[in-house]
PDB file of all heavy atoms in Angstrom:
ATOM      1  N   PHE A   1     171.353 129.267 142.286  1.00  0.00           N
ATOM      2  CA  PHE A   1     170.882 128.078 141.627  1.00  0.00           C
ATOM      3  C   PHE A   1     171.036 128.227 140.044  1.00  0.00           C
ATOM      4  O   PHE A   1     171.451 127.340 139.349  1.00  0.00           O
ATOM      5  CB  PHE A   1     169.436 127.780 141.926  1.00  0.00           C
ATOM      6  CG  PHE A   1     169.257 126.794 143.116  1.00  0.00           C
ATOM      7  CD1 PHE A   1     168.718 127.319 144.245  1.00  0.00           C
ATOM      8  CD2 PHE A   1     169.779 125.583 143.087  1.00  0.00           C
ATOM      9  CE1 PHE A   1     168.561 126.428 145.318  1.00  0.00           C
ATOM     10  CE2 PHE A   1     169.550 124.667 144.127  1.00  0.00           C
ATOM     11  CZ  PHE A   1     169.044 125.135 145.257  1.00  0.00           C
ATOM     12  N   THR A   2     170.653 129.329 139.578  1.00  0.00           N
ATOM     13  CA  THR A   2     170.759 129.578 138.141  1.00  0.00           C
ATOM     14  C   THR A   2     172.217 129.679 137.652  1.00  0.00           C
ATOM     15  O   THR A   2     172.562 129.034 136.629  1.00  0.00           O
ATOM     16  CB  THR A   2     170.085 130.893 137.728  1.00  0.00           C
ATOM     17  OG1 THR A   2     168.838 130.965 138.375  1.00  0.00           O
ATOM     18  CG2 THR A   2     169.953 131.087 136.258  1.00  0.00           C
ATOM     19  N   ALA A   3     173.089 130.246 138.442  1.00  0.00           N
ATOM     20  CA  ALA A   3     174.518 130.099 138.116  1.00  0.00           C
ATOM     21  C   ALA A   3     175.112 128.786 138.092  1.00  0.00           C
ATOM     22  O   ALA A   3     175.915 128.434 137.264  1.00  0.00           O
ATOM     23  CB  ALA A   3     175.300 131.025 139.099  1.00  0.00           C
ATOM     24  N   SER A   4     174.668 127.983 139.045  1.00  0.00           N
ATOM     25  CA  SER A   4     175.063 126.596 139.003  1.00  0.00           C
ATOM     26  C   SER A   4     174.548 125.795 137.786  1.00  0.00           C
ATOM     27  O   SER A   4     175.331 124.974 137.263  1.00  0.00           O
ATOM     28  CB  SER A   4     174.629 125.799 140.291  1.00  0.00           C
ATOM     29  OG  SER A   4     173.243 125.670 140.304  1.00  0.00           O
ATOM     30  N   ALA A   5     173.377 126.173 137.347  1.00  0.00           N
ATOM     31  CA  ALA A   5     172.860 125.526 136.085  1.00  0.00           C
ATOM     32  C   ALA A   5     173.781 126.030 134.906  1.00  0.00           C
ATOM     33  O   ALA A   5     173.940 125.169 133.958  1.00  0.00           O
ATOM     34  CB  ALA A   5     171.417 125.964 135.826  1.00  0.00           C
ATOM     35  N   ILE A   6     174.206 127.191 134.895  1.00  0.00           N
ATOM     36  CA  ILE A   6     175.099 127.673 133.820  1.00  0.00           C
ATOM     37  C   ILE A   6     176.462 126.990 133.898  1.00  0.00           C
ATOM     38  O   ILE A   6     177.053 126.599 132.891  1.00  0.00           O
ATOM     39  CB  ILE A   6     175.176 129.216 133.904  1.00  0.00           C
ATOM     40  CG1 ILE A   6     173.957 129.850 133.542  1.00  0.00           C
ATOM     41  CG2 ILE A   6     176.370 129.629 132.930  1.00  0.00           C
ATOM     42  CD1 ILE A   6     173.907 131.349 133.622  1.00  0.00           C
ATOM     43  N   TRP A   7     176.847 126.708 135.145  1.00  0.00           N
ATOM     44  CA  TRP A   7     178.185 125.939 135.196  1.00  0.00           C
ATOM     45  C   TRP A   7     177.925 124.544 134.704  1.00  0.00           C
ATOM     46  O   TRP A   7     178.853 123.903 134.139  1.00  0.00           O
ATOM     47  CB  TRP A   7     178.440 125.804 136.797  1.00  0.00           C
ATOM     48  CG  TRP A   7     179.201 126.983 137.241  1.00  0.00           C
ATOM     49  CD1 TRP A   7     178.792 127.890 138.141  1.00  0.00           C
ATOM     50  CD2 TRP A   7     180.557 127.441 136.897  1.00  0.00           C
ATOM     51  NE1 TRP A   7     179.757 128.807 138.454  1.00  0.00           N
ATOM     52  CE2 TRP A   7     180.879 128.650 137.575  1.00  0.00           C
ATOM     53  CE3 TRP A   7     181.540 127.078 135.929  1.00  0.00           C
ATOM     54  CZ2 TRP A   7     181.984 129.286 137.489  1.00  0.00           C
ATOM     55  CZ3 TRP A   7     182.679 127.769 135.886  1.00  0.00           C
ATOM     56  CH2 TRP A   7     182.935 128.796 136.527  1.00  0.00           C
ATOM     57  N   LEU A   8     176.809 123.961 134.896  1.00  0.00           N
ATOM     58  CA  LEU A   8     176.425 122.605 134.405  1.00  0.00           C
ATOM     59  C   LEU A   8     176.454 122.597 132.856  1.00  0.00           C
ATOM     60  O   LEU A   8     176.973 121.653 132.219  1.00  0.00           O
ATOM     61  CB  LEU A   8     175.125 122.104 134.884  1.00  0.00           C
ATOM     62  CG  LEU A   8     175.044 121.477 136.329  1.00  0.00           C
ATOM     63  CD1 LEU A   8     173.691 121.135 136.740  1.00  0.00           C
ATOM     64  CD2 LEU A   8     175.953 120.294 136.361  1.00  0.00           C
ATOM     65  N   LEU A   9     175.904 123.736 132.301  1.00  0.00           N
ATOM     66  CA  LEU A   9     175.990 123.758 130.791  1.00  0.00           C
ATOM     67  C   LEU A   9     177.450 123.783 130.329  1.00  0.00           C
ATOM     68  O   LEU A   9     177.734 123.371 129.189  1.00  0.00           O
ATOM     69  CB  LEU A   9     175.314 125.064 130.298  1.00  0.00           C
ATOM     70  CG  LEU A   9     173.793 125.076 130.381  1.00  0.00           C
ATOM     71  CD1 LEU A   9     173.143 126.386 129.946  1.00  0.00           C
ATOM     72  CD2 LEU A   9     173.291 124.002 129.348  1.00  0.00           C
ATOM     73  N   LEU A  10     178.429 124.395 131.110  1.00  0.00           N
ATOM     74  CA  LEU A  10     179.764 124.465 130.673  1.00  0.00           C
ATOM     75  C   LEU A  10     180.496 123.168 131.098  1.00  0.00           C
ATOM     76  O   LEU A  10     181.797 123.095 130.991  1.00  0.00           O
ATOM     77  CB  LEU A  10     180.435 125.694 131.465  1.00  0.00           C
ATOM     78  CG  LEU A  10     179.925 127.039 131.020  1.00  0.00           C
ATOM     79  CD1 LEU A  10     180.577 128.086 131.897  1.00  0.00           C
ATOM     80  CD2 LEU A  10     180.322 127.300 129.581  1.00  0.00           C
ATOM     81  N   ARG A  11     179.731 122.240 131.580  1.00  0.00           N
ATOM     82  CA  ARG A  11     180.259 120.879 131.872  1.00  0.00           C
ATOM     83  C   ARG A  11     181.317 120.982 133.074  1.00  0.00           C
ATOM     84  O   ARG A  11     182.333 120.247 133.115  1.00  0.00           O
ATOM     85  CB  ARG A  11     180.980 120.255 130.673  1.00  0.00           C
ATOM     86  CG  ARG A  11     179.974 119.796 129.630  1.00  0.00           C
ATOM     87  CD  ARG A  11     180.637 119.321 128.386  1.00  0.00           C
ATOM     88  NE  ARG A  11     179.604 118.985 127.397  1.00  0.00           N
ATOM     89  CZ  ARG A  11     178.916 119.873 126.637  1.00  0.00           C
ATOM     90  NH1 ARG A  11     179.135 121.134 126.840  1.00  0.00           N
ATOM     91  NH2 ARG A  11     178.030 119.441 125.788  1.00  0.00           N
ATOM     92  N   ALA A  12     181.046 121.870 133.961  1.00  0.00           N
ATOM     93  CA  ALA A  12     181.871 122.008 135.232  1.00  0.00           C
ATOM     94  C   ALA A  12     180.993 121.575 136.372  1.00  0.00           C
ATOM     95  O   ALA A  12     180.516 122.335 137.155  1.00  0.00           O
ATOM     96  CB  ALA A  12     182.383 123.434 135.405  1.00  0.00           C
ATOM     97  N   GLU A  13     180.733 120.210 136.368  1.00  0.00           N
ATOM     98  CA  GLU A  13     179.889 119.719 137.447  1.00  0.00           C
ATOM     99  C   GLU A  13     180.276 119.967 138.834  1.00  0.00           C
ATOM    100  O   GLU A  13     179.465 120.194 139.697  1.00  0.00           O
ATOM    101  CB  GLU A  13     179.698 118.178 137.221  1.00  0.00           C
ATOM    102  CG  GLU A  13     179.093 117.820 135.815  1.00  0.00           C
ATOM    103  CD  GLU A  13     180.181 117.697 134.764  1.00  0.00           C
ATOM    104  OE1 GLU A  13     181.279 117.765 135.053  1.00  0.00           O
ATOM    105  OE2 GLU A  13     179.768 117.493 133.560  1.00  0.00           O
ATOM    106  N   PHE A  14     181.535 119.802 139.078  1.00  0.00           N
ATOM    107  CA  PHE A  14     182.057 120.002 140.472  1.00  0.00           C
ATOM    108  C   PHE A  14     181.784 121.481 140.957  1.00  0.00           C
ATOM    109  O   PHE A  14     181.324 121.667 142.105  1.00  0.00           O
ATOM    110  CB  PHE A  14     183.507 119.703 140.524  1.00  0.00           C
ATOM    111  CG  PHE A  14     184.138 119.939 141.884  1.00  0.00           C
ATOM    112  CD1 PHE A  14     183.897 119.100 142.989  1.00  0.00           C
ATOM    113  CD2 PHE A  14     184.965 121.023 142.168  1.00  0.00           C
ATOM    114  CE1 PHE A  14     184.425 119.316 144.139  1.00  0.00           C
ATOM    115  CE2 PHE A  14     185.477 121.273 143.379  1.00  0.00           C
ATOM    116  CZ  PHE A  14     185.196 120.478 144.371  1.00  0.00           C
ATOM    117  N   LEU A  15     182.009 122.475 140.135  1.00  0.00           N
ATOM    118  CA  LEU A  15     181.726 123.826 140.510  1.00  0.00           C
ATOM    119  C   LEU A  15     180.254 124.061 140.709  1.00  0.00           C
ATOM    120  O   LEU A  15     179.886 124.846 141.591  1.00  0.00           O
ATOM    121  CB  LEU A  15     182.318 124.801 139.392  1.00  0.00           C
ATOM    122  CG  LEU A  15     183.866 124.892 139.353  1.00  0.00           C
ATOM    123  CD1 LEU A  15     184.271 125.758 138.226  1.00  0.00           C
ATOM    124  CD2 LEU A  15     184.465 125.454 140.671  1.00  0.00           C
ATOM    125  N   ALA A  16     179.423 123.415 139.852  1.00  0.00           N
ATOM    126  CA  ALA A  16     178.060 123.640 140.065  1.00  0.00           C
ATOM    127  C   ALA A  16     177.514 123.016 141.363  1.00  0.00           C
ATOM    128  O   ALA A  16     176.829 123.711 142.111  1.00  0.00           O
ATOM    129  CB  ALA A  16     177.289 122.956 138.893  1.00  0.00           C
ATOM    130  N   ILE A  17     177.967 121.823 141.693  1.00  0.00           N
ATOM    131  CA  ILE A  17     177.502 121.251 142.957  1.00  0.00           C
ATOM    132  C   ILE A  17     178.075 121.988 144.118  1.00  0.00           C
ATOM    133  O   ILE A  17     177.441 122.114 145.183  1.00  0.00           O
ATOM    134  CB  ILE A  17     177.723 119.743 142.954  1.00  0.00           C
ATOM    135  CG1 ILE A  17     176.888 119.081 144.119  1.00  0.00           C
ATOM    136  CG2 ILE A  17     179.164 119.512 143.216  1.00  0.00           C
ATOM    137  CD1 ILE A  17     175.371 119.159 143.887  1.00  0.00           C
ATOM    138  N   THR A  18     179.345 122.490 144.042  1.00  0.00           N
ATOM    139  CA  THR A  18     180.014 123.318 145.091  1.00  0.00           C
ATOM    140  C   THR A  18     179.189 124.566 145.306  1.00  0.00           C
ATOM    141  O   THR A  18     178.993 124.919 146.496  1.00  0.00           O
ATOM    142  CB  THR A  18     181.437 123.530 144.765  1.00  0.00           C
ATOM    143  OG1 THR A  18     182.053 122.224 144.546  1.00  0.00           O
ATOM    144  CG2 THR A  18     182.065 124.281 145.887  1.00  0.00           C
ATOM    145  N   LEU A  19     178.703 125.204 144.216  1.00  0.00           N
ATOM    146  CA  LEU A  19     177.967 126.479 144.423  1.00  0.00           C
ATOM    147  C   LEU A  19     176.680 126.195 145.160  1.00  0.00           C
ATOM    148  O   LEU A  19     176.358 127.096 145.998  1.00  0.00           O
ATOM    149  CB  LEU A  19     177.684 127.025 143.019  1.00  0.00           C
ATOM    150  CG  LEU A  19     177.100 128.491 142.894  1.00  0.00           C
ATOM    151  CD1 LEU A  19     178.126 129.454 143.549  1.00  0.00           C
ATOM    152  CD2 LEU A  19     176.811 128.789 141.546  1.00  0.00           C
ATOM    153  N   VAL A  20     176.051 125.067 144.819  1.00  0.00           N
ATOM    154  CA  VAL A  20     174.788 124.801 145.501  1.00  0.00           C
ATOM    155  C   VAL A  20     174.962 124.369 146.953  1.00  0.00           C
ATOM    156  O   VAL A  20     174.388 124.952 147.875  1.00  0.00           O
ATOM    157  CB  VAL A  20     174.002 123.674 144.810  1.00  0.00           C
ATOM    158  CG1 VAL A  20     172.819 123.214 145.552  1.00  0.00           C
ATOM    159  CG2 VAL A  20     173.527 124.146 143.410  1.00  0.00           C
ATOM    160  N   LEU A  21     175.958 123.555 147.201  1.00  0.00           N
ATOM    161  CA  LEU A  21     176.248 123.038 148.601  1.00  0.00           C
ATOM    162  C   LEU A  21     176.735 124.152 149.495  1.00  0.00           C
ATOM    163  O   LEU A  21     176.366 124.320 150.679  1.00  0.00           O
ATOM    164  CB  LEU A  21     177.094 121.881 148.649  1.00  0.00           C
ATOM    165  CG  LEU A  21     176.605 120.555 148.003  1.00  0.00           C
ATOM    166  CD1 LEU A  21     177.521 119.506 148.015  1.00  0.00           C
ATOM    167  CD2 LEU A  21     175.408 120.071 148.731  1.00  0.00           C
ATOM    168  N   VAL A  22     177.798 124.768 149.024  1.00  0.00           N
ATOM    169  CA  VAL A  22     178.460 125.832 149.899  1.00  0.00           C
ATOM    170  C   VAL A  22     177.708 127.023 150.078  1.00  0.00           C
ATOM    171  O   VAL A  22     177.324 127.527 151.143  1.00  0.00           O
ATOM    172  CB  VAL A  22     179.824 126.113 149.331  1.00  0.00           C
ATOM    173  CG1 VAL A  22     180.506 127.273 150.188  1.00  0.00           C
ATOM    174  CG2 VAL A  22     180.665 124.900 149.384  1.00  0.00           C
ATOM    175  N   TYR A  23     177.211 127.727 148.931  1.00  0.00           N
ATOM    176  CA  TYR A  23     176.645 129.011 149.036  1.00  0.00           C
ATOM    177  C   TYR A  23     175.118 128.843 149.389  1.00  0.00           C
ATOM    178  O   TYR A  23     174.628 129.559 150.322  1.00  0.00           O
ATOM    179  CB  TYR A  23     176.738 129.708 147.642  1.00  0.00           C
ATOM    180  CG  TYR A  23     178.114 130.323 147.479  1.00  0.00           C
ATOM    181  CD1 TYR A  23     179.063 129.762 146.757  1.00  0.00           C
ATOM    182  CD2 TYR A  23     178.398 131.566 148.108  1.00  0.00           C
ATOM    183  CE1 TYR A  23     180.342 130.280 146.620  1.00  0.00           C
ATOM    184  CE2 TYR A  23     179.699 132.035 148.085  1.00  0.00           C
ATOM    185  CZ  TYR A  23     180.621 131.406 147.285  1.00  0.00           C
ATOM    186  OH  TYR A  23     181.900 131.874 147.152  1.00  0.00           O
ATOM    187  N   VAL A  24     174.397 128.013 148.783  1.00  0.00           N
ATOM    188  CA  VAL A  24     172.951 127.850 149.069  1.00  0.00           C
ATOM    189  C   VAL A  24     172.836 127.129 150.440  1.00  0.00           C
ATOM    190  O   VAL A  24     172.020 127.536 151.305  1.00  0.00           O
ATOM    191  CB  VAL A  24     172.213 127.197 147.936  1.00  0.00           C
ATOM    192  CG1 VAL A  24     170.704 126.998 148.344  1.00  0.00           C
ATOM    193  CG2 VAL A  24     172.291 128.012 146.683  1.00  0.00           C
ATOM    194  N   GLY A  25     173.535 126.099 150.572  1.00  0.00           N
ATOM    195  CA  GLY A  25     173.334 125.253 151.743  1.00  0.00           C
ATOM    196  C   GLY A  25     173.965 125.777 153.022  1.00  0.00           C
ATOM    197  O   GLY A  25     173.426 125.625 154.073  1.00  0.00           O
ATOM    198  N   ALA A  26     174.993 126.597 152.933  1.00  0.00           N
ATOM    199  CA  ALA A  26     175.664 127.079 154.147  1.00  0.00           C
ATOM    200  C   ALA A  26     175.548 128.583 154.320  1.00  0.00           C
ATOM    201  O   ALA A  26     175.014 129.138 155.250  1.00  0.00           O
ATOM    202  CB  ALA A  26     177.033 126.620 154.229  1.00  0.00           C
TER     203      ALA A  26
END
């Protein structure tokens, strides 16, 4: 979750939501 927040800071929204959905969710 924290890494996805850092991705959001880098304005890479797709990578952030992918990190949450794929890694945390599955």
